[in-house]
Amino acid sequence: MSKGILGIHHVTAIAGEPQENVDFYAGILGLRLVKQTVNYDDPGTYHLYYGDKLGHPGTIMTFFPWPGARRGRRGTGQVTVTSFSVPGGSFGYWTERLKKHDIAFEDPVRRFDEEV
């Protein structure tokens, strides 16, 4: 008997320098670097996995760091915004943390009846 799809397992994106990626996602955002492996189609490229403390499915964001890759252009079907869930009442903390590290961000907006 097969189970229905319950959600997204992970999202993968392209990044620049690997160390800058680790510094931001693990250092500033505090995600756990769950796994570091290689891109099986391009073994000279890392595949970096970040997630919650236990690496639960649905919390995973992965990256292929390709420092020399041309920047993407906004277009049909391309992701242009990534939102992360934070505990209620913690927007002030995150606002100050991102400002402290000179990270550009947008004020929260409502999407799907949720503040993101």
PDB file of N, CA and C in Angstrom:
ATOM      1  N   MET A   1       0.849  -1.177   0.000  1.00  0.00           N
ATOM      2  CA  MET A   1       0.000   0.000   0.000  1.00  0.00           C
ATOM      3  C   MET A   1       0.891   1.234   0.000  1.00  0.00           C
ATOM      4  N   SER A   2       0.651   2.130  -0.923  1.00  0.00           N
ATOM      5  CA  SER A   2       1.480   3.328  -1.000  1.00  0.00           C
ATOM      6  C   SER A   2       0.866   4.452  -0.177  1.00  0.00           C
ATOM      7  N   LYS A   3       1.727   5.266   0.394  1.00  0.00           N
ATOM      8  CA  LYS A   3       1.292   6.440   1.143  1.00  0.00           C
ATOM      9  C   LYS A   3       1.137   7.603   0.181  1.00  0.00           C
ATOM     10  N   GLY A   4       0.227   8.500   0.491  1.00  0.00           N
ATOM     11  CA  GLY A   4       0.085   9.712  -0.302  1.00  0.00           C
ATOM     12  C   GLY A   4       1.243  10.652  -0.055  1.00  0.00           C
ATOM     13  N   ILE A   5       1.436  11.565  -0.952  1.00  0.00           N
ATOM     14  CA  ILE A   5       2.486  12.569  -0.783  1.00  0.00           C
ATOM     15  C   ILE A   5       2.042  13.536   0.303  1.00  0.00           C
ATOM     16  N   LEU A   6       2.893  13.720   1.306  1.00  0.00           N
ATOM     17  CA  LEU A   6       2.552  14.556   2.453  1.00  0.00           C
ATOM     18  C   LEU A   6       3.177  15.938   2.398  1.00  0.00           C
ATOM     19  N   GLY A   7       4.050  16.188   1.456  1.00  0.00           N
ATOM     20  CA  GLY A   7       4.691  17.496   1.365  1.00  0.00           C
ATOM     21  C   GLY A   7       5.989  17.412   0.594  1.00  0.00           C
ATOM     22  N   ILE A   8       6.736  18.479   0.659  1.00  0.00           N
ATOM     23  CA  ILE A   8       8.016  18.559  -0.046  1.00  0.00           C
ATOM     24  C   ILE A   8       9.100  17.942   0.828  1.00  0.00           C
ATOM     25  N   HIS A   9       9.944  17.111   0.252  1.00  0.00           N
ATOM     26  CA  HIS A   9      11.068  16.547   0.992  1.00  0.00           C
ATOM     27  C   HIS A   9      12.183  17.574   1.127  1.00  0.00           C
ATOM     28  N   HIS A  10      12.558  18.207   0.006  1.00  0.00           N
ATOM     29  CA  HIS A  10      13.605  19.222   0.036  1.00  0.00           C
ATOM     30  C   HIS A  10      13.499  20.105  -1.198  1.00  0.00           C
ATOM     31  N   VAL A  11      14.192  21.217  -1.130  1.00  0.00           N
ATOM     32  CA  VAL A  11      14.288  22.159  -2.240  1.00  0.00           C
ATOM     33  C   VAL A  11      15.773  22.319  -2.540  1.00  0.00           C
ATOM     34  N   THR A  12      16.134  22.360  -3.820  1.00  0.00           N
ATOM     35  CA  THR A  12      17.536  22.520  -4.209  1.00  0.00           C
ATOM     36  C   THR A  12      17.704  23.796  -5.024  1.00  0.00           C
ATOM     37  N   ALA A  13      18.794  24.495  -4.764  1.00  0.00           N
ATOM     38  CA  ALA A  13      19.081  25.740  -5.477  1.00  0.00           C
ATOM     39  C   ALA A  13      20.560  25.766  -5.871  1.00  0.00           C
ATOM     40  N   ILE A  14      20.898  26.714  -6.703  1.00  0.00           N
ATOM     41  CA  ILE A  14      22.282  26.934  -7.128  1.00  0.00           C
ATOM     42  C   ILE A  14      22.858  28.052  -6.263  1.00  0.00           C
ATOM     43  N   ALA A  15      24.117  27.921  -5.886  1.00  0.00           N
ATOM     44  CA  ALA A  15      24.771  28.919  -5.040  1.00  0.00           C
ATOM     45  C   ALA A  15      26.106  29.313  -5.657  1.00  0.00           C
ATOM     46  N   GLY A  16      26.732  30.312  -5.041  1.00  0.00           N
ATOM     47  CA  GLY A  16      28.062  30.747  -5.447  1.00  0.00           C
ATOM     48  C   GLY A  16      29.128  29.990  -4.674  1.00  0.00           C
ATOM     49  N   GLU A  17      29.943  30.716  -3.932  1.00  0.00           N
ATOM     50  CA  GLU A  17      31.052  30.119  -3.184  1.00  0.00           C
ATOM     51  C   GLU A  17      30.540  29.194  -2.072  1.00  0.00           C
ATOM     52  N   PRO A  18      31.064  27.960  -1.978  1.00  0.00           N
ATOM     53  CA  PRO A  18      30.586  27.026  -0.959  1.00  0.00           C
ATOM     54  C   PRO A  18      30.730  27.554   0.471  1.00  0.00           C
ATOM     55  N   GLN A  19      31.865  28.167   0.805  1.00  0.00           N
ATOM     56  CA  GLN A  19      32.051  28.623   2.185  1.00  0.00           C
ATOM     57  C   GLN A  19      31.093  29.751   2.534  1.00  0.00           C
ATOM     58  N   GLU A  20      30.817  30.640   1.594  1.00  0.00           N
ATOM     59  CA  GLU A  20      29.841  31.708   1.843  1.00  0.00           C
ATOM     60  C   GLU A  20      28.459  31.114   2.080  1.00  0.00           C
ATOM     61  N   ASN A  21      28.136  30.054   1.356  1.00  0.00           N
ATOM     62  CA  ASN A  21      26.858  29.370   1.523  1.00  0.00           C
ATOM     63  C   ASN A  21      26.754  28.777   2.927  1.00  0.00           C
ATOM     64  N   VAL A  22      27.800  28.080   3.370  1.00  0.00           N
ATOM     65  CA  VAL A  22      27.822  27.501   4.718  1.00  0.00           C
ATOM     66  C   VAL A  22      27.760  28.605   5.768  1.00  0.00           C
ATOM     67  N   ASP A  23      28.533  29.665   5.580  1.00  0.00           N
ATOM     68  CA  ASP A  23      28.542  30.764   6.548  1.00  0.00           C
ATOM     69  C   ASP A  23      27.152  31.361   6.719  1.00  0.00           C
ATOM     70  N   PHE A  24      26.410  31.510   5.621  1.00  0.00           N
ATOM     71  CA  PHE A  24      25.079  32.106   5.706  1.00  0.00           C
ATOM     72  C   PHE A  24      24.058  31.133   6.294  1.00  0.00           C
ATOM     73  N   TYR A  25      23.909  29.967   5.703  1.00  0.00           N
ATOM     74  CA  TYR A  25      22.833  29.062   6.119  1.00  0.00           C
ATOM     75  C   TYR A  25      23.091  28.417   7.478  1.00  0.00           C
ATOM     76  N   ALA A  26      24.319  28.000   7.749  1.00  0.00           N
ATOM     77  CA  ALA A  26      24.619  27.402   9.048  1.00  0.00           C
ATOM     78  C   ALA A  26      24.977  28.471  10.080  1.00  0.00           C
ATOM     79  N   GLY A  27      25.804  29.435   9.681  1.00  0.00           N
ATOM     80  CA  GLY A  27      26.272  30.438  10.629  1.00  0.00           C
ATOM     81  C   GLY A  27      25.242  31.479  10.993  1.00  0.00           C
ATOM     82  N   ILE A  28      24.656  32.139  10.005  1.00  0.00           N
ATOM     83  CA  ILE A  28      23.722  33.235  10.280  1.00  0.00           C
ATOM     84  C   ILE A  28      22.311  32.724  10.545  1.00  0.00           C
ATOM     85  N   LEU A  29      21.810  31.832   9.683  1.00  0.00           N
ATOM     86  CA  LEU A  29      20.446  31.331   9.887  1.00  0.00           C
ATOM     87  C   LEU A  29      20.373  30.228  10.941  1.00  0.00           C
ATOM     88  N   GLY A  30      21.505  29.600  11.241  1.00  0.00           N
ATOM     89  CA  GLY A  30      21.524  28.585  12.292  1.00  0.00           C
ATOM     90  C   GLY A  30      20.992  27.223  11.878  1.00  0.00           C
ATOM     91  N   LEU A  31      20.894  26.977  10.567  1.00  0.00           N
ATOM     92  CA  LEU A  31      20.482  25.651  10.122  1.00  0.00           C
ATOM     93  C   LEU A  31      21.636  24.674  10.318  1.00  0.00           C
ATOM     94  N   ARG A  32      21.313  23.423  10.465  1.00  0.00           N
ATOM     95  CA  ARG A  32      22.348  22.405  10.611  1.00  0.00           C
ATOM     96  C   ARG A  32      22.819  21.971   9.223  1.00  0.00           C
ATOM     97  N   LEU A  33      24.127  21.894   9.029  1.00  0.00           N
ATOM     98  CA  LEU A  33      24.668  21.306   7.807  1.00  0.00           C
ATOM     99  C   LEU A  33      24.519  19.801   7.987  1.00  0.00           C
ATOM    100  N   VAL A  34      23.436  19.264   7.448  1.00  0.00           N
ATOM    101  CA  VAL A  34      23.062  17.870   7.667  1.00  0.00           C
ATOM    102  C   VAL A  34      24.012  16.921   6.948  1.00  0.00           C
ATOM    103  N   LYS A  35      24.373  17.293   5.735  1.00  0.00           N
ATOM    104  CA  LYS A  35      25.226  16.413   4.935  1.00  0.00           C
ATOM    105  C   LYS A  35      25.956  17.235   3.883  1.00  0.00           C
ATOM    106  N   GLN A  36      27.189  16.826   3.605  1.00  0.00           N
ATOM    107  CA  GLN A  36      27.958  17.400   2.496  1.00  0.00           C
ATOM    108  C   GLN A  36      28.414  16.227   1.645  1.00  0.00           C
ATOM    109  N   THR A  37      27.958  16.206   0.427  1.00  0.00           N
ATOM    110  CA  THR A  37      28.341  15.139  -0.491  1.00  0.00           C
ATOM    111  C   THR A  37      28.725  15.790  -1.814  1.00  0.00           C
ATOM    112  N   VAL A  38      28.704  15.037  -2.888  1.00  0.00           N
ATOM    113  CA  VAL A  38      29.011  15.603  -4.199  1.00  0.00           C
ATOM    114  C   VAL A  38      27.798  15.484  -5.105  1.00  0.00           C
ATOM    115  N   ASN A  39      27.768  16.319  -6.107  1.00  0.00           N
ATOM    116  CA  ASN A  39      26.749  16.249  -7.146  1.00  0.00           C
ATOM    117  C   ASN A  39      27.119  15.041  -8.007  1.00  0.00           C
ATOM    118  N   TYR A  40      26.258  14.049  -8.043  1.00  0.00           N
ATOM    119  CA  TYR A  40      26.602  12.813  -8.755  1.00  0.00           C
ATOM    120  C   TYR A  40      26.729  13.020 -10.262  1.00  0.00           C
ATOM    121  N   ASP A  41      26.099  14.062 -10.799  1.00  0.00           N
ATOM    122  CA  ASP A  41      26.254  14.383 -12.220  1.00  0.00           C
ATOM    123  C   ASP A  41      27.502  15.216 -12.489  1.00  0.00           C
ATOM    124  N   ASP A  42      28.063  15.805 -11.428  1.00  0.00           N
ATOM    125  CA  ASP A  42      29.245  16.665 -11.547  1.00  0.00           C
ATOM    126  C   ASP A  42      30.072  16.488 -10.275  1.00  0.00           C
ATOM    127  N   PRO A  43      30.823  15.371 -10.152  1.00  0.00           N
ATOM    128  CA  PRO A  43      31.518  15.045  -8.905  1.00  0.00           C
ATOM    129  C   PRO A  43      32.506  16.092  -8.399  1.00  0.00           C
ATOM    130  N   GLY A  44      32.842  17.080  -9.209  1.00  0.00           N
ATOM    131  CA  GLY A  44      33.709  18.156  -8.747  1.00  0.00           C
ATOM    132  C   GLY A  44      32.960  19.246  -8.000  1.00  0.00           C
ATOM    133  N   THR A  45      31.645  19.070  -7.835  1.00  0.00           N
ATOM    134  CA  THR A  45      30.796  20.064  -7.176  1.00  0.00           C
ATOM    135  C   THR A  45      30.188  19.476  -5.912  1.00  0.00           C
ATOM    136  N   TYR A  46      30.247  20.227  -4.816  1.00  0.00           N
ATOM    137  CA  TYR A  46      29.584  19.802  -3.586  1.00  0.00           C
ATOM    138  C   TYR A  46      28.073  19.788  -3.755  1.00  0.00           C
ATOM    139  N   HIS A  47      27.423  18.999  -2.901  1.00  0.00           N
ATOM    140  CA  HIS A  47      25.975  19.077  -2.710  1.00  0.00           C
ATOM    141  C   HIS A  47      25.793  19.254  -1.211  1.00  0.00           C
ATOM    142  N   LEU A  48      25.380  20.451  -0.799  1.00  0.00           N
ATOM    143  CA  LEU A  48      25.267  20.822   0.613  1.00  0.00           C
ATOM    144  C   LEU A  48      23.814  20.730   1.050  1.00  0.00           C
ATOM    145  N   TYR A  49      23.570  20.031   2.160  1.00  0.00           N
ATOM    146  CA  TYR A  49      22.222  19.828   2.692  1.00  0.00           C
ATOM    147  C   TYR A  49      22.101  20.520   4.048  1.00  0.00           C
ATOM    148  N   TYR A  50      21.097  21.366   4.203  1.00  0.00           N
ATOM    149  CA  TYR A  50      20.822  22.032   5.480  1.00  0.00           C
ATOM    150  C   TYR A  50      19.418  21.649   5.925  1.00  0.00           C
ATOM    151  N   GLY A  51      19.212  21.631   7.226  1.00  0.00           N
ATOM    152  CA  GLY A  51      17.879  21.334   7.734  1.00  0.00           C
ATOM    153  C   GLY A  51      17.779  21.643   9.205  1.00  0.00           C
ATOM    154  N   ASP A  52      16.708  21.133   9.807  1.00  0.00           N
ATOM    155  CA  ASP A  52      16.550  21.325  11.244  1.00  0.00           C
ATOM    156  C   ASP A  52      17.552  20.433  11.980  1.00  0.00           C
ATOM    157  N   LYS A  53      17.495  20.471  13.291  1.00  0.00           N
ATOM    158  CA  LYS A  53      18.460  19.760  14.127  1.00  0.00           C
ATOM    159  C   LYS A  53      18.559  18.271  13.779  1.00  0.00           C
ATOM    160  N   LEU A  54      17.427  17.658  13.411  1.00  0.00           N
ATOM    161  CA  LEU A  54      17.410  16.228  13.111  1.00  0.00           C
ATOM    162  C   LEU A  54      17.355  15.920  11.617  1.00  0.00           C
ATOM    163  N   GLY A  55      17.335  16.941  10.776  1.00  0.00           N
ATOM    164  CA  GLY A  55      17.302  16.721   9.334  1.00  0.00           C
ATOM    165  C   GLY A  55      16.001  16.131   8.832  1.00  0.00           C
ATOM    166  N   HIS A  56      14.893  16.526   9.449  1.00  0.00           N
ATOM    167  CA  HIS A  56      13.585  16.001   9.045  1.00  0.00           C
ATOM    168  C   HIS A  56      13.243  16.367   7.601  1.00  0.00           C
ATOM    169  N   PRO A  57      12.603  15.438   6.866  1.00  0.00           N
ATOM    170  CA  PRO A  57      12.089  15.789   5.539  1.00  0.00           C
ATOM    171  C   PRO A  57      11.162  16.997   5.647  1.00  0.00           C
ATOM    172  N   GLY A  58      11.221  17.861   4.676  1.00  0.00           N
ATOM    173  CA  GLY A  58      10.421  19.082   4.703  1.00  0.00           C
ATOM    174  C   GLY A  58      11.178  20.269   5.268  1.00  0.00           C
ATOM    175  N   THR A  59      12.293  19.994   5.965  1.00  0.00           N
ATOM    176  CA  THR A  59      13.115  21.096   6.482  1.00  0.00           C
ATOM    177  C   THR A  59      14.382  21.259   5.656  1.00  0.00           C
ATOM    178  N   ILE A  60      14.581  20.405   4.680  1.00  0.00           N
ATOM    179  CA  ILE A  60      15.856  20.350   3.963  1.00  0.00           C
ATOM    180  C   ILE A  60      15.898  21.319   2.784  1.00  0.00           C
ATOM    181  N   MET A  61      16.976  22.090   2.746  1.00  0.00           N
ATOM    182  CA  MET A  61      17.284  22.952   1.606  1.00  0.00           C
ATOM    183  C   MET A  61      18.689  22.559   1.178  1.00  0.00           C
ATOM    184  N   THR A  62      18.869  22.271  -0.109  1.00  0.00           N
ATOM    185  CA  THR A  62      20.186  21.854  -0.585  1.00  0.00           C
ATOM    186  C   THR A  62      20.696  22.818  -1.648  1.00  0.00           C
ATOM    187  N   PHE A  63      22.005  22.808  -1.819  1.00  0.00           N
ATOM    188  CA  PHE A  63      22.640  23.712  -2.781  1.00  0.00           C
ATOM    189  C   PHE A  63      23.739  23.002  -3.548  1.00  0.00           C
ATOM    190  N   PHE A  64      23.840  23.357  -4.825  1.00  0.00           N
ATOM    191  CA  PHE A  64      24.994  23.030  -5.648  1.00  0.00           C
ATOM    192  C   PHE A  64      25.764  24.335  -5.815  1.00  0.00           C
ATOM    193  N   PRO A  65      26.917  24.490  -5.151  1.00  0.00           N
ATOM    194  CA  PRO A  65      27.688  25.716  -5.324  1.00  0.00           C
ATOM    195  C   PRO A  65      28.497  25.686  -6.622  1.00  0.00           C
ATOM    196  N   TRP A  66      28.141  26.565  -7.519  1.00  0.00           N
ATOM    197  CA  TRP A  66      28.859  26.752  -8.781  1.00  0.00           C
ATOM    198  C   TRP A  66      29.283  28.214  -8.847  1.00  0.00           C
ATOM    199  N   PRO A  67      30.454  28.555  -8.272  1.00  0.00           N
ATOM    200  CA  PRO A  67      30.878  29.951  -8.181  1.00  0.00           C
ATOM    201  C   PRO A  67      30.926  30.698  -9.508  1.00  0.00           C
ATOM    202  N   GLY A  68      31.256  30.032 -10.598  1.00  0.00           N
ATOM    203  CA  GLY A  68      31.385  30.724 -11.876  1.00  0.00           C
ATOM    204  C   GLY A  68      30.119  30.746 -12.715  1.00  0.00           C
ATOM    205  N   ALA A  69      29.037  30.201 -12.190  1.00  0.00           N
ATOM    206  CA  ALA A  69      27.803  30.120 -12.984  1.00  0.00           C
ATOM    207  C   ALA A  69      27.211  31.505 -13.227  1.00  0.00           C
ATOM    208  N   ARG A  70      26.631  31.671 -14.386  1.00  0.00           N
ATOM    209  CA  ARG A  70      25.949  32.927 -14.718  1.00  0.00           C
ATOM    210  C   ARG A  70      24.713  33.064 -13.829  1.00  0.00           C
ATOM    211  N   ARG A  71      24.439  34.277 -13.366  1.00  0.00           N
ATOM    212  CA  ARG A  71      23.255  34.525 -12.538  1.00  0.00           C
ATOM    213  C   ARG A  71      22.001  34.196 -13.327  1.00  0.00           C
ATOM    214  N   GLY A  72      21.021  33.650 -12.633  1.00  0.00           N
ATOM    215  CA  GLY A  72      19.749  33.339 -13.266  1.00  0.00           C
ATOM    216  C   GLY A  72      18.962  34.605 -13.575  1.00  0.00           C
ATOM    217  N   ARG A  73      18.015  34.480 -14.478  1.00  0.00           N
ATOM    218  CA  ARG A  73      17.127  35.590 -14.806  1.00  0.00           C
ATOM    219  C   ARG A  73      15.726  35.207 -14.372  1.00  0.00           C
ATOM    220  N   ARG A  74      15.011  36.159 -13.808  1.00  0.00           N
ATOM    221  CA  ARG A  74      13.633  35.887 -13.422  1.00  0.00           C
ATOM    222  C   ARG A  74      12.823  35.548 -14.657  1.00  0.00           C
ATOM    223  N   GLY A  75      12.035  34.514 -14.530  1.00  0.00           N
ATOM    224  CA  GLY A  75      11.218  34.106 -15.661  1.00  0.00           C
ATOM    225  C   GLY A  75      10.141  33.139 -15.222  1.00  0.00           C
ATOM    226  N   THR A  76       9.385  32.687 -16.163  1.00  0.00           N
ATOM    227  CA  THR A  76       8.284  31.780 -15.888  1.00  0.00           C
ATOM    228  C   THR A  76       8.781  30.521 -15.196  1.00  0.00           C
ATOM    229  N   GLY A  77       8.153  30.190 -14.084  1.00  0.00           N
ATOM    230  CA  GLY A  77       8.480  28.965 -13.371  1.00  0.00           C
ATOM    231  C   GLY A  77       9.708  29.031 -12.485  1.00  0.00           C
ATOM    232  N   GLN A  78      10.380  30.159 -12.424  1.00  0.00           N
ATOM    233  CA  GLN A  78      11.589  30.265 -11.613  1.00  0.00           C
ATOM    234  C   GLN A  78      11.239  30.778 -10.227  1.00  0.00           C
ATOM    235  N   VAL A  79      11.813  30.161  -9.214  1.00  0.00           N
ATOM    236  CA  VAL A  79      11.624  30.611  -7.837  1.00  0.00           C
ATOM    237  C   VAL A  79      12.385  31.918  -7.654  1.00  0.00           C
ATOM    238  N   THR A  80      11.712  32.928  -7.107  1.00  0.00           N
ATOM    239  CA  THR A  80      12.377  34.209  -6.865  1.00  0.00           C
ATOM    240  C   THR A  80      12.380  34.586  -5.389  1.00  0.00           C
ATOM    241  N   VAL A  81      11.636  33.849  -4.565  1.00  0.00           N
ATOM    242  CA  VAL A  81      11.564  34.133  -3.130  1.00  0.00           C
ATOM    243  C   VAL A  81      11.585  32.813  -2.373  1.00  0.00           C
ATOM    244  N   THR A  82      12.343  32.773  -1.291  1.00  0.00           N
ATOM    245  CA  THR A  82      12.334  31.630  -0.386  1.00  0.00           C
ATOM    246  C   THR A  82      11.976  32.156   0.994  1.00  0.00           C
ATOM    247  N   SER A  83      11.001  31.528   1.633  1.00  0.00           N
ATOM    248  CA  SER A  83      10.578  31.940   2.974  1.00  0.00           C
ATOM    249  C   SER A  83      10.855  30.809   3.952  1.00  0.00           C
ATOM    250  N   PHE A  84      11.259  31.165   5.162  1.00  0.00           N
ATOM    251  CA  PHE A  84      11.507  30.189   6.212  1.00  0.00           C
ATOM    252  C   PHE A  84      10.526  30.410   7.349  1.00  0.00           C
ATOM    253  N   SER A  85      10.116  29.339   7.969  1.00  0.00           N
ATOM    254  CA  SER A  85       9.245  29.400   9.137  1.00  0.00           C
ATOM    255  C   SER A  85      10.083  29.766  10.360  1.00  0.00           C
ATOM    256  N   VAL A  86       9.571  30.676  11.166  1.00  0.00           N
ATOM    257  CA  VAL A  86      10.229  31.032  12.425  1.00  0.00           C
ATOM    258  C   VAL A  86       9.178  31.004  13.525  1.00  0.00           C
ATOM    259  N   PRO A  87       9.584  30.773  14.758  1.00  0.00           N
ATOM    260  CA  PRO A  87       8.620  30.744  15.851  1.00  0.00           C
ATOM    261  C   PRO A  87       7.876  32.073  15.985  1.00  0.00           C
ATOM    262  N   GLY A  88       6.606  31.988  16.350  1.00  0.00           N
ATOM    263  CA  GLY A  88       5.818  33.190  16.577  1.00  0.00           C
ATOM    264  C   GLY A  88       6.503  34.111  17.574  1.00  0.00           C
ATOM    265  N   GLY A  89       6.437  35.401  17.313  1.00  0.00           N
ATOM    266  CA  GLY A  89       7.038  36.378  18.210  1.00  0.00           C
ATOM    267  C   GLY A  89       8.535  36.567  18.028  1.00  0.00           C
ATOM    268  N   SER A  90       9.142  35.900  17.034  1.00  0.00           N
ATOM    269  CA  SER A  90      10.597  36.007  16.877  1.00  0.00           C
ATOM    270  C   SER A  90      11.023  36.910  15.722  1.00  0.00           C
ATOM    271  N   PHE A  91      10.069  37.606  15.083  1.00  0.00           N
ATOM    272  CA  PHE A  91      10.443  38.474  13.958  1.00  0.00           C
ATOM    273  C   PHE A  91      11.441  39.546  14.380  1.00  0.00           C
ATOM    274  N   GLY A  92      11.287  40.089  15.573  1.00  0.00           N
ATOM    275  CA  GLY A  92      12.222  41.106  16.060  1.00  0.00           C
ATOM    276  C   GLY A  92      13.642  40.575  16.144  1.00  0.00           C
ATOM    277  N   TYR A  93      13.783  39.366  16.676  1.00  0.00           N
ATOM    278  CA  TYR A  93      15.108  38.742  16.769  1.00  0.00           C
ATOM    279  C   TYR A  93      15.727  38.598  15.383  1.00  0.00           C
ATOM    280  N   TRP A  94      14.941  38.052  14.434  1.00  0.00           N
ATOM    281  CA  TRP A  94      15.476  37.807  13.097  1.00  0.00           C
ATOM    282  C   TRP A  94      15.761  39.106  12.355  1.00  0.00           C
ATOM    283  N   THR A  95      14.928  40.103  12.550  1.00  0.00           N
ATOM    284  CA  THR A  95      15.175  41.404  11.928  1.00  0.00           C
ATOM    285  C   THR A  95      16.518  41.957  12.392  1.00  0.00           C
ATOM    286  N   GLU A  96      16.754  41.939  13.690  1.00  0.00           N
ATOM    287  CA  GLU A  96      18.014  42.456  14.234  1.00  0.00           C
ATOM    288  C   GLU A  96      19.200  41.603  13.799  1.00  0.00           C
ATOM    289  N   ARG A  97      19.021  40.296  13.782  1.00  0.00           N
ATOM    290  CA  ARG A  97      20.125  39.405  13.379  1.00  0.00           C
ATOM    291  C   ARG A  97      20.527  39.658  11.928  1.00  0.00           C
ATOM    292  N   LEU A  98      19.548  39.772  11.044  1.00  0.00           N
ATOM    293  CA  LEU A  98      19.859  40.012   9.633  1.00  0.00           C
ATOM    294  C   LEU A  98      20.480  41.391   9.433  1.00  0.00           C
ATOM    295  N   LYS A  99      19.966  42.399  10.147  1.00  0.00           N
ATOM    296  CA  LYS A  99      20.569  43.737  10.062  1.00  0.00           C
ATOM    297  C   LYS A  99      22.020  43.705  10.537  1.00  0.00           C
ATOM    298  N   LYS A 100      22.273  43.011  11.644  1.00  0.00           N
ATOM    299  CA  LYS A 100      23.620  42.922  12.214  1.00  0.00           C
ATOM    300  C   LYS A 100      24.619  42.366  11.197  1.00  0.00           C
ATOM    301  N   HIS A 101      24.154  41.468  10.348  1.00  0.00           N
ATOM    302  CA  HIS A 101      25.029  40.842   9.352  1.00  0.00           C
ATOM    303  C   HIS A 101      24.892  41.471   7.966  1.00  0.00           C
ATOM    304  N   ASP A 102      24.236  42.644   7.907  1.00  0.00           N
ATOM    305  CA  ASP A 102      24.045  43.371   6.639  1.00  0.00           C
ATOM    306  C   ASP A 102      23.395  42.509   5.556  1.00  0.00           C
ATOM    307  N   ILE A 103      22.391  41.744   5.958  1.00  0.00           N
ATOM    308  CA  ILE A 103      21.644  40.890   5.033  1.00  0.00           C
ATOM    309  C   ILE A 103      20.367  41.619   4.633  1.00  0.00           C
ATOM    310  N   ALA A 104      20.170  41.804   3.336  1.00  0.00           N
ATOM    311  CA  ALA A 104      18.947  42.451   2.842  1.00  0.00           C
ATOM    312  C   ALA A 104      17.764  41.506   3.037  1.00  0.00           C
ATOM    313  N   PHE A 105      16.637  42.057   3.434  1.00  0.00           N
ATOM    314  CA  PHE A 105      15.425  41.261   3.610  1.00  0.00           C
ATOM    315  C   PHE A 105      14.224  42.163   3.424  1.00  0.00           C
ATOM    316  N   GLU A 106      13.075  41.539   3.246  1.00  0.00           N
ATOM    317  CA  GLU A 106      11.826  42.280   3.095  1.00  0.00           C
ATOM    318  C   GLU A 106      11.005  42.123   4.359  1.00  0.00           C
ATOM    319  N   ASP A 107      10.171  43.113   4.646  1.00  0.00           N
ATOM    320  CA  ASP A 107       9.263  42.995   5.776  1.00  0.00           C
ATOM    321  C   ASP A 107       8.296  41.847   5.531  1.00  0.00           C
ATOM    322  N   PRO A 108       7.766  41.257   6.599  1.00  0.00           N
ATOM    323  CA  PRO A 108       6.806  40.162   6.429  1.00  0.00           C
ATOM    324  C   PRO A 108       5.598  40.594   5.597  1.00  0.00           C
ATOM    325  N   VAL A 109       5.099  39.652   4.810  1.00  0.00           N
ATOM    326  CA  VAL A 109       3.885  39.840   4.014  1.00  0.00           C
ATOM    327  C   VAL A 109       2.975  38.646   4.276  1.00  0.00           C
ATOM    328  N   ARG A 110       1.733  38.747   3.835  1.00  0.00           N
ATOM    329  CA  ARG A 110       0.804  37.627   3.997  1.00  0.00           C
ATOM    330  C   ARG A 110       0.759  36.814   2.711  1.00  0.00           C
ATOM    331  N   ARG A 111       0.943  35.517   2.869  1.00  0.00           N
ATOM    332  CA  ARG A 111       0.806  34.570   1.761  1.00  0.00           C
ATOM    333  C   ARG A 111       0.073  33.352   2.295  1.00  0.00           C
ATOM    334  N   PHE A 112      -0.954  32.926   1.591  1.00  0.00           N
ATOM    335  CA  PHE A 112      -1.720  31.745   1.997  1.00  0.00           C
ATOM    336  C   PHE A 112      -2.212  31.872   3.436  1.00  0.00           C
ATOM    337  N   ASP A 113      -2.678  33.067   3.795  1.00  0.00           N
ATOM    338  CA  ASP A 113      -3.185  33.365   5.140  1.00  0.00           C
ATOM    339  C   ASP A 113      -2.146  33.188   6.239  1.00  0.00           C
ATOM    340  N   GLU A 114      -0.879  33.283   5.891  1.00  0.00           N
ATOM    341  CA  GLU A 114       0.210  33.201   6.865  1.00  0.00           C
ATOM    342  C   GLU A 114       1.110  34.407   6.682  1.00  0.00           C
ATOM    343  N   GLU A 115       1.697  34.876   7.779  1.00  0.00           N
ATOM    344  CA  GLU A 115       2.679  35.948   7.680  1.00  0.00           C
ATOM    345  C   GLU A 115       4.029  35.314   7.372  1.00  0.00           C
ATOM    346  N   VAL A 116       4.641  35.751   6.261  1.00  0.00           N
ATOM    347  CA  VAL A 116       5.955  35.216   5.871  1.00  0.00           C
ATOM    348  C   VAL A 116       6.886  36.371   5.540  1.00  0.00           C
TER     349      VAL A 116
END
